[in-house]
Amino acid sequence: MRANNQLRDRRLKTEREWQQFVRNNSIASDAAWLKQSWGTSASSIPLEQTCAPMDDPDAVRRDFISTELYQLAKPLFDELTHAVKDAGFAVGFSDPSATLQWTAANRVMQKRIEKAHFLPSAHWDEASIGTNAVGLAARLVKPCTVFSAQHYAPSLHEWVCYAAPIIHAPSGHVAGVLDISAPWQSSTPMALATVSHYAQQISALLSSIQLPQNFYLNLCGYDAGSWLGHTPLPRRLQEILIALATHPEGLSLEALHAHVYGDEPVSFSTLKSEMTHLRQHIGDALQARPYRLSLSPQMMASDAQWVEQHALFGKLRDALALYQHPLMPYSQAPAVVEYRDYLHQLVIRALTASQDIDALWQFTVMHEADYNVLFHLSNLLPAGDARHAALQSKLAQLDE
């Protein structure tokens, strides 16, 4: 009875903190991760959202159970499922971007997880469904618990979720996230220890196999275009990679042509030739029908993606260390133009919402003058700061 009372008190406390945040964007909790995650959630999802966005659960689950990871870890997946099913927990595994690949639950819990879309192909990153343990563990790369109203979406306040990352030790690659979830009344300190234990066991099995090579493309730095530290990729191949990276679902030949060439009079056979050249660089990571990248975001990454993540979570100095110029500024490929404009405006919005004078000044030095950044910085600088003169000069130039 005493334990039940403690859980109810804890639930009420989280509800009060959540209501306070929704009303005035403030939080009494000392948990910096919670305020940061709620802030990201508030800018991404409506409070009325009741479930995670989902694609094709049957296809995703079928593809996952054919992987080497699943075949290695299946006895542990089965063991964990049997261990927690009777206690009313659901089990799930996501890829590194927090997209669920496999789930299991007893009959009662199955109805609950279907309602929330805790199912293969559902996107459980924070930008898609708000604060939750799967998304947090994927981003923070550490075990996480999210209890009741610590979930941003009200529809998930009835849940408690525990998640831990699975890591390929030789490469440091995050292979996915293991999660167990239940109604909040079933909360227990042992649950996080349990999911962490199984995640470590699966990590040990995974570490015995060789993962595909990681690929990293520099797009916003002074060595833009360098590919794994080697000779820069041709501009057109960079544009194709951006188009594919921003469309993980894949693109038909016609759609890819539109995203890369726009209205340019370029034949489909030319694009096919470019795809052959790209495959020489990345091998089987490039798949066809539709064209898509088969590697996870962590294994097929770019500095632009890190700029985006840093900006979303307010890590402005980390973002600006990478964001030395706009993404491929001379490219007119529609996919590049769209992502370049989005990324630049994202950085500007993050800066104008911050109080970081040094980061704002760094942006004004490195990038083309932006009125909102200059005006915000001029209001933050203390009287007498020598930088006021430079700011006023830049503002005057914009007004001409």
Protein backbone atom coordinates (compact mmCIF):
# COMPACT_ATOMS: atom_id res chain seq x y z
CA MET A 1 0.00 0.00 0.00
CA ARG A 2 2.83 2.38 0.91
CA ALA A 3 4.54 1.74 -2.44
CA ASN A 4 1.28 2.46 -4.26
CA ASN A 5 0.91 5.75 -2.40
CA GLN A 6 4.46 6.73 -3.34
CA LEU A 7 3.77 6.02 -7.00
CA ARG A 8 0.56 8.07 -6.92
CA ASP A 9 2.41 10.95 -5.27
CA ARG A 10 5.11 10.72 -7.90
CA ARG A 11 2.53 10.72 -10.67
CA LEU A 12 0.79 13.79 -9.24
CA LYS A 13 4.12 15.58 -8.98
CA THR A 14 4.96 14.90 -12.63
CA GLU A 15 1.47 16.04 -13.67
CA ARG A 16 1.91 19.34 -11.82
CA GLU A 17 5.33 19.90 -13.40
CA TRP A 18 3.95 19.13 -16.85
CA GLN A 19 0.97 21.47 -16.41
CA GLN A 20 3.28 24.24 -15.22
CA PHE A 21 5.47 23.77 -18.29
CA VAL A 22 2.50 23.80 -20.67
CA ARG A 23 1.10 26.95 -19.04
CA ASN A 24 4.22 29.11 -18.81
CA ASN A 25 7.16 27.15 -20.25
CA SER A 26 8.80 26.77 -16.83
CA ILE A 27 9.64 23.69 -14.82
CA ALA A 28 10.43 23.19 -11.14
CA SER A 29 12.40 19.99 -11.74
CA ASP A 30 16.19 20.12 -11.64
CA ALA A 31 16.32 17.62 -14.51
CA ALA A 32 17.88 19.60 -17.38
CA TRP A 33 17.22 16.72 -19.78
CA LEU A 34 13.48 16.95 -19.08
CA LYS A 35 13.18 20.67 -19.76
CA GLN A 36 15.26 20.32 -22.91
CA SER A 37 13.22 17.38 -24.17
CA TRP A 38 9.90 19.06 -23.37
CA GLY A 39 11.08 22.17 -25.21
CA THR A 40 11.87 20.13 -28.30
CA SER A 41 8.56 18.29 -28.00
CA ALA A 42 6.55 21.50 -27.65
CA SER A 43 8.00 22.84 -30.89
CA SER A 44 7.33 19.62 -32.80
CA ILE A 45 4.07 17.97 -31.76
CA PRO A 46 0.57 19.09 -30.73
CA LEU A 47 -0.75 18.14 -27.29
CA GLU A 48 -3.65 16.41 -29.04
CA GLN A 49 -1.37 13.84 -30.68
CA THR A 50 -2.31 10.36 -29.50
CA CYS A 51 0.11 8.05 -31.31
CA ALA A 52 3.47 7.89 -33.04
CA PRO A 53 3.61 8.30 -36.83
CA MET A 54 3.96 4.91 -38.47
CA ASP A 55 4.88 3.50 -41.90
CA ASP A 56 4.62 -0.23 -42.74
CA PRO A 57 4.87 -2.38 -39.58
CA ASP A 58 4.76 -5.76 -41.29
CA ALA A 59 7.54 -4.92 -43.75
CA VAL A 60 9.79 -3.38 -41.09
CA ARG A 61 9.36 -6.30 -38.70
CA ARG A 62 9.98 -8.79 -41.52
CA ASP A 63 13.17 -7.01 -42.55
CA PHE A 64 14.41 -6.81 -38.96
CA ILE A 65 13.96 -10.48 -38.10
CA SER A 66 16.09 -11.35 -41.14
CA THR A 67 19.06 -9.32 -39.85
CA GLU A 68 22.17 -10.81 -38.30
CA LEU A 69 21.54 -8.81 -35.13
CA TYR A 70 18.14 -10.40 -34.59
CA GLN A 71 19.40 -13.87 -35.35
CA LEU A 72 22.19 -13.45 -32.80
CA ALA A 73 20.01 -11.89 -30.13
CA LYS A 74 16.77 -13.87 -30.65
CA PRO A 75 17.29 -16.11 -27.57
CA LEU A 76 17.73 -12.98 -25.44
CA PHE A 77 14.73 -11.26 -27.02
CA ASP A 78 12.65 -14.36 -26.27
CA GLU A 79 13.98 -14.59 -22.73
CA LEU A 80 13.23 -10.95 -21.98
CA THR A 81 9.78 -11.20 -23.53
CA HIS A 82 8.87 -14.20 -21.36
CA ALA A 83 10.33 -12.52 -18.28
CA VAL A 84 8.23 -9.37 -18.51
CA LYS A 85 5.05 -10.39 -20.35
CA ASP A 86 3.37 -11.84 -17.28
CA ALA A 87 4.15 -8.63 -15.38
CA GLY A 88 2.20 -6.63 -17.98
CA PHE A 89 5.18 -5.11 -19.79
CA ALA A 90 5.62 -4.66 -23.54
CA VAL A 91 9.04 -5.11 -25.16
CA GLY A 92 10.38 -3.17 -28.11
CA PHE A 93 13.55 -2.68 -30.13
CA SER A 94 14.29 0.41 -32.24
CA ASP A 95 16.97 1.35 -34.71
CA PRO A 96 19.45 4.15 -33.80
CA SER A 97 17.00 6.84 -34.96
CA ALA A 98 14.30 5.52 -32.55
CA THR A 99 12.16 3.89 -35.24
CA LEU A 100 10.73 0.68 -33.80
CA GLN A 101 11.75 -2.54 -35.57
CA TRP A 102 10.15 -5.21 -33.38
CA THR A 103 7.71 -5.33 -30.44
CA ALA A 104 6.05 -7.99 -28.30
CA ALA A 105 3.36 -7.97 -25.60
CA ASN A 106 0.68 -10.11 -24.03
CA ARG A 107 -2.92 -9.86 -25.23
CA VAL A 108 -3.94 -7.12 -22.79
CA MET A 109 -0.91 -4.95 -23.44
CA GLN A 110 -1.14 -5.53 -27.19
CA LYS A 111 -4.29 -3.41 -27.33
CA ARG A 112 -2.57 -0.61 -25.45
CA ILE A 113 0.54 -0.59 -27.64
CA GLU A 114 -1.53 -0.68 -30.83
CA LYS A 115 -3.42 2.41 -29.67
CA ALA A 116 -0.15 4.30 -29.06
CA HIS A 117 1.52 2.83 -32.20
CA PHE A 118 4.23 1.12 -30.17
CA LEU A 119 4.70 -1.06 -33.22
CA PRO A 120 7.35 -1.74 -35.88
CA SER A 121 7.94 1.22 -38.25
CA ALA A 122 6.60 3.77 -35.71
CA HIS A 123 8.81 6.80 -35.12
CA TRP A 124 9.55 7.25 -31.41
CA ASP A 125 12.11 10.04 -31.65
CA GLU A 126 11.23 13.10 -29.57
CA ALA A 127 10.35 15.23 -32.59
CA SER A 128 7.75 12.65 -33.69
CA ILE A 129 5.98 11.69 -30.44
CA GLY A 130 7.56 13.85 -27.74
CA THR A 131 9.56 12.90 -24.66
CA ASN A 132 9.85 9.12 -24.26
CA ALA A 133 12.49 6.62 -23.15
CA VAL A 134 13.24 5.18 -26.61
CA GLY A 135 13.94 8.59 -28.12
CA LEU A 136 15.97 9.74 -25.12
CA ALA A 137 18.11 6.60 -24.94
CA ALA A 138 18.83 6.89 -28.67
CA ARG A 139 19.86 10.53 -28.37
CA LEU A 140 21.67 10.48 -25.03
CA VAL A 141 23.16 6.97 -25.54
CA LYS A 142 22.47 5.90 -21.96
CA PRO A 143 19.72 4.06 -20.04
CA CYS A 144 16.65 6.24 -19.45
CA THR A 145 13.37 6.10 -17.53
CA VAL A 146 10.34 8.22 -18.42
CA PHE A 147 7.53 8.03 -15.88
CA SER A 148 3.92 9.07 -16.43
CA ALA A 149 3.64 12.82 -17.18
CA GLN A 150 7.34 13.07 -17.91
CA HIS A 151 6.10 11.98 -21.32
CA TYR A 152 5.23 15.19 -23.15
CA ALA A 153 2.18 13.81 -24.96
CA PRO A 154 -0.81 13.53 -22.54
CA SER A 155 -1.85 10.28 -24.23
CA LEU A 156 1.31 8.66 -22.82
CA HIS A 157 0.89 9.83 -19.22
CA GLU A 158 -0.49 6.40 -18.33
CA TRP A 159 2.84 4.78 -19.26
CA VAL A 160 6.21 4.18 -17.66
CA CYS A 161 9.03 3.32 -20.06
CA TYR A 162 12.58 2.07 -19.59
CA ALA A 163 15.14 1.97 -22.38
CA ALA A 164 18.84 1.29 -22.88
CA PRO A 165 21.08 1.59 -25.95
CA ILE A 166 22.74 -1.35 -27.66
CA ILE A 167 26.30 -0.52 -28.68
CA HIS A 168 28.79 -2.24 -30.97
CA ALA A 169 31.86 -1.83 -28.73
CA PRO A 170 34.64 -2.11 -31.37
CA SER A 171 33.22 0.76 -33.44
CA GLY A 172 31.22 2.65 -30.80
CA HIS A 173 28.24 2.49 -33.16
CA VAL A 174 24.78 2.64 -31.56
CA ALA A 175 22.94 -0.29 -33.11
CA GLY A 176 19.57 0.40 -31.51
CA VAL A 177 17.56 0.78 -28.32
CA LEU A 178 15.90 -1.88 -26.18
CA ASP A 179 12.75 -0.81 -24.32
CA ILE A 180 10.23 -2.22 -21.86
CA SER A 181 7.04 -0.30 -21.10
CA ALA A 182 4.00 -0.74 -18.87
CA PRO A 183 1.18 1.19 -17.17
CA TRP A 184 2.66 3.61 -14.62
CA GLN A 185 1.24 1.54 -11.73
CA SER A 186 3.77 -1.18 -12.63
CA SER A 187 6.76 1.11 -12.14
CA THR A 188 9.66 -0.60 -10.39
CA PRO A 189 13.37 0.23 -9.98
CA MET A 190 14.20 -3.26 -11.21
CA ALA A 191 12.84 -2.53 -14.68
CA LEU A 192 15.68 -0.20 -15.68
CA ALA A 193 18.22 -2.69 -14.35
CA THR A 194 16.52 -5.45 -16.33
CA VAL A 195 16.45 -3.63 -19.67
CA SER A 196 20.03 -2.44 -19.13
CA HIS A 197 21.18 -6.00 -18.40
CA TYR A 198 19.64 -7.38 -21.60
CA ALA A 199 20.95 -4.44 -23.63
CA GLN A 200 24.45 -5.18 -22.37
CA GLN A 201 24.05 -8.87 -23.21
CA ILE A 202 22.90 -8.05 -26.74
CA SER A 203 25.72 -5.51 -27.09
CA ALA A 204 28.24 -8.23 -26.21
CA LEU A 205 26.82 -10.52 -28.91
CA LEU A 206 26.75 -7.70 -31.45
CA SER A 207 30.35 -6.80 -30.73
CA SER A 208 31.45 -10.18 -32.06
CA ILE A 209 30.44 -9.29 -35.62
CA GLN A 210 31.87 -6.79 -38.11
CA LEU A 211 29.59 -3.88 -38.91
CA PRO A 212 29.61 -2.06 -42.26
CA GLN A 213 31.95 0.92 -42.47
CA ASN A 214 30.69 4.28 -41.23
CA PHE A 215 30.41 7.08 -43.79
CA TYR A 216 30.67 10.77 -42.95
CA LEU A 217 30.38 13.67 -45.39
CA ASN A 218 31.54 17.22 -44.66
CA LEU A 219 29.16 19.76 -46.18
CA CYS A 220 29.31 22.89 -44.00
CA GLY A 221 33.02 23.14 -43.16
CA TYR A 222 36.14 24.37 -44.90
CA ASP A 223 36.87 20.83 -46.08
CA ALA A 224 33.39 20.57 -47.60
CA GLY A 225 32.89 17.55 -49.78
CA SER A 226 35.56 15.43 -48.13
CA TRP A 227 34.41 11.87 -47.78
CA LEU A 228 35.96 9.80 -45.01
CA GLY A 229 38.95 12.14 -45.16
CA HIS A 230 39.72 11.29 -48.79
CA THR A 231 39.45 13.27 -52.02
CA PRO A 232 36.21 15.30 -52.06
CA LEU A 233 33.27 13.69 -53.77
CA PRO A 234 32.12 15.39 -56.98
CA ARG A 235 29.42 17.99 -56.33
CA ARG A 236 26.76 15.97 -58.13
CA LEU A 237 27.36 12.91 -55.96
CA GLN A 238 27.09 15.09 -52.86
CA GLU A 239 23.74 16.40 -54.13
CA ILE A 240 22.48 12.86 -54.73
CA LEU A 241 23.52 11.83 -51.22
CA ILE A 242 21.65 14.79 -49.70
CA ALA A 243 18.53 13.94 -51.70
CA LEU A 244 18.66 10.33 -50.51
CA ALA A 245 19.54 11.22 -46.90
CA THR A 246 16.54 13.56 -46.67
CA HIS A 247 14.24 10.90 -48.12
CA PRO A 248 15.03 7.72 -46.15
CA GLU A 249 11.91 6.05 -47.54
CA GLY A 250 13.61 5.98 -50.94
CA LEU A 251 13.07 7.70 -54.27
CA SER A 252 12.14 6.44 -57.71
CA LEU A 253 14.44 7.30 -60.59
CA GLU A 254 12.02 10.04 -61.69
CA ALA A 255 11.69 11.54 -58.20
CA LEU A 256 15.44 11.46 -57.59
CA HIS A 257 16.00 13.17 -60.94
CA ALA A 258 13.62 15.98 -59.92
CA HIS A 259 15.31 16.43 -56.53
CA VAL A 260 18.80 16.56 -58.04
CA TYR A 261 18.40 18.23 -61.45
CA GLY A 262 15.13 20.13 -61.19
CA ASP A 263 14.34 21.56 -64.63
CA GLU A 264 17.84 21.03 -66.01
CA PRO A 265 17.86 19.18 -69.36
CA VAL A 266 19.63 16.11 -68.01
CA SER A 267 18.70 12.61 -69.15
CA PHE A 268 17.76 9.71 -66.91
CA SER A 269 20.71 7.75 -68.33
CA THR A 270 23.06 10.43 -66.97
CA LEU A 271 21.56 10.00 -63.51
CA LYS A 272 21.94 6.22 -63.76
CA SER A 273 25.60 6.73 -64.63
CA GLU A 274 26.02 8.97 -61.56
CA MET A 275 24.44 6.28 -59.40
CA THR A 276 26.99 3.79 -60.71
CA HIS A 277 29.77 6.19 -59.70
CA LEU A 278 28.24 6.69 -56.26
CA ARG A 279 27.99 2.95 -55.71
CA GLN A 280 31.74 2.72 -56.33
CA HIS A 281 32.20 4.90 -53.24
CA ILE A 282 29.63 3.41 -50.87
CA GLY A 283 28.98 -0.07 -52.23
CA ASP A 284 25.88 -1.91 -51.08
CA ALA A 285 24.86 1.01 -48.87
CA LEU A 286 23.19 2.32 -52.04
CA GLN A 287 20.12 0.28 -52.97
CA ALA A 288 17.80 0.54 -55.97
CA ARG A 289 14.07 0.19 -56.72
CA PRO A 290 13.62 2.58 -55.04
CA TYR A 291 16.98 4.29 -54.67
CA ARG A 292 17.76 4.62 -50.97
CA LEU A 293 20.55 4.45 -48.40
CA SER A 294 20.44 1.22 -46.43
CA LEU A 295 22.53 2.49 -43.51
CA SER A 296 21.15 4.10 -40.37
CA PRO A 297 21.61 7.87 -39.79
CA GLN A 298 24.48 7.15 -37.38
CA MET A 299 26.36 5.19 -40.05
CA MET A 300 25.55 7.51 -42.98
CA ALA A 301 25.99 10.95 -41.48
CA SER A 302 27.12 14.46 -42.32
CA ASP A 303 28.16 17.56 -40.44
CA ALA A 304 24.88 19.13 -41.59
CA GLN A 305 22.91 16.53 -39.64
CA TRP A 306 24.95 17.28 -36.52
CA VAL A 307 24.38 21.01 -36.99
CA GLU A 308 20.66 20.28 -37.11
CA GLN A 309 20.72 18.17 -33.94
CA HIS A 310 22.85 20.68 -32.02
CA ALA A 311 20.56 23.55 -33.05
CA LEU A 312 17.41 21.65 -32.08
CA PHE A 313 18.76 21.03 -28.59
CA GLY A 314 20.27 24.47 -28.04
CA LYS A 315 23.92 23.42 -28.32
CA LEU A 316 24.77 26.52 -30.32
CA ARG A 317 28.53 26.55 -29.89
CA ASP A 318 28.72 22.93 -31.02
CA ALA A 319 26.52 23.79 -34.00
CA LEU A 320 28.61 26.79 -35.03
CA ALA A 321 31.86 24.85 -34.70
CA LEU A 322 30.58 22.76 -37.62
CA TYR A 323 28.44 25.36 -39.41
CA GLN A 324 31.21 27.39 -41.01
CA HIS A 325 29.18 28.23 -44.12
CA PRO A 326 25.74 27.32 -45.51
CA LEU A 327 25.39 23.85 -46.92
CA MET A 328 26.77 23.63 -50.50
CA PRO A 329 26.11 27.35 -51.14
CA TYR A 330 26.61 27.16 -54.92
CA SER A 331 24.35 24.16 -55.51
CA GLN A 332 20.95 24.71 -57.11
CA ALA A 333 19.76 21.11 -56.75
CA PRO A 334 16.20 21.37 -55.34
CA ALA A 335 16.92 18.89 -52.53
CA VAL A 336 20.01 20.88 -51.49
CA VAL A 337 18.29 24.28 -51.72
CA GLU A 338 15.43 23.08 -49.54
CA TYR A 339 17.66 21.53 -46.89
CA ARG A 340 20.13 24.46 -46.97
CA ASP A 341 17.35 27.01 -46.37
CA TYR A 342 15.81 24.90 -43.61
CA LEU A 343 19.13 24.41 -41.84
CA HIS A 344 20.10 28.09 -42.01
CA GLN A 345 16.75 29.26 -40.68
CA LEU A 346 16.88 26.62 -37.93
CA VAL A 347 20.24 27.97 -36.75
CA ILE A 348 18.93 31.54 -36.85
CA ARG A 349 15.80 30.64 -34.87
CA ALA A 350 17.90 28.85 -32.25
CA LEU A 351 20.23 31.84 -31.95
CA THR A 352 17.46 34.42 -31.61
CA ALA A 353 15.89 32.32 -28.85
CA SER A 354 19.17 32.16 -26.92
CA GLN A 355 21.06 34.46 -24.58
CA ASP A 356 24.49 33.27 -25.73
CA ILE A 357 26.25 36.47 -26.77
CA ASP A 358 29.41 34.67 -27.90
CA ALA A 359 27.48 32.30 -30.18
CA LEU A 360 25.48 35.17 -31.68
CA TRP A 361 28.64 37.16 -32.32
CA GLN A 362 30.37 34.14 -33.86
CA PHE A 363 27.48 33.76 -36.31
CA THR A 364 27.65 37.44 -37.33
CA VAL A 365 31.38 37.11 -38.03
CA MET A 366 31.16 33.86 -40.02
CA HIS A 367 27.89 34.30 -41.93
CA GLU A 368 26.02 36.79 -44.04
CA ALA A 369 24.31 39.45 -41.92
CA ASP A 370 20.86 38.54 -40.66
CA TYR A 371 18.66 41.31 -39.26
CA ASN A 372 17.04 39.21 -36.52
CA VAL A 373 20.38 37.93 -35.21
CA LEU A 374 21.96 41.39 -35.31
CA PHE A 375 19.00 43.05 -33.58
CA HIS A 376 18.81 40.37 -30.88
CA LEU A 377 22.53 40.59 -30.22
CA SER A 378 22.46 44.40 -30.02
CA ASN A 379 19.82 44.15 -27.29
CA LEU A 380 21.90 41.64 -25.33
CA LEU A 381 25.27 43.39 -25.49
CA PRO A 382 26.04 45.50 -22.40
CA ALA A 383 26.31 49.26 -22.86
CA GLY A 384 29.78 50.28 -23.88
CA ASP A 385 30.64 47.00 -25.57
CA ALA A 386 32.89 47.75 -28.53
CA ARG A 387 30.94 45.37 -30.75
CA HIS A 388 27.95 47.75 -30.85
CA ALA A 389 29.61 49.82 -33.58
CA ALA A 390 30.06 46.81 -35.85
CA LEU A 391 26.47 45.71 -35.28
CA GLN A 392 25.07 49.15 -36.07
CA SER A 393 27.13 49.26 -39.26
CA LYS A 394 25.80 45.88 -40.38
CA LEU A 395 22.22 46.87 -39.55
CA ALA A 396 22.61 50.10 -41.51
CA GLN A 397 23.83 48.17 -44.53
CA LEU A 398 20.75 45.96 -44.39
CA ASP A 399 18.49 49.04 -44.31
CA GLU A 400 20.06 50.54 -47.45
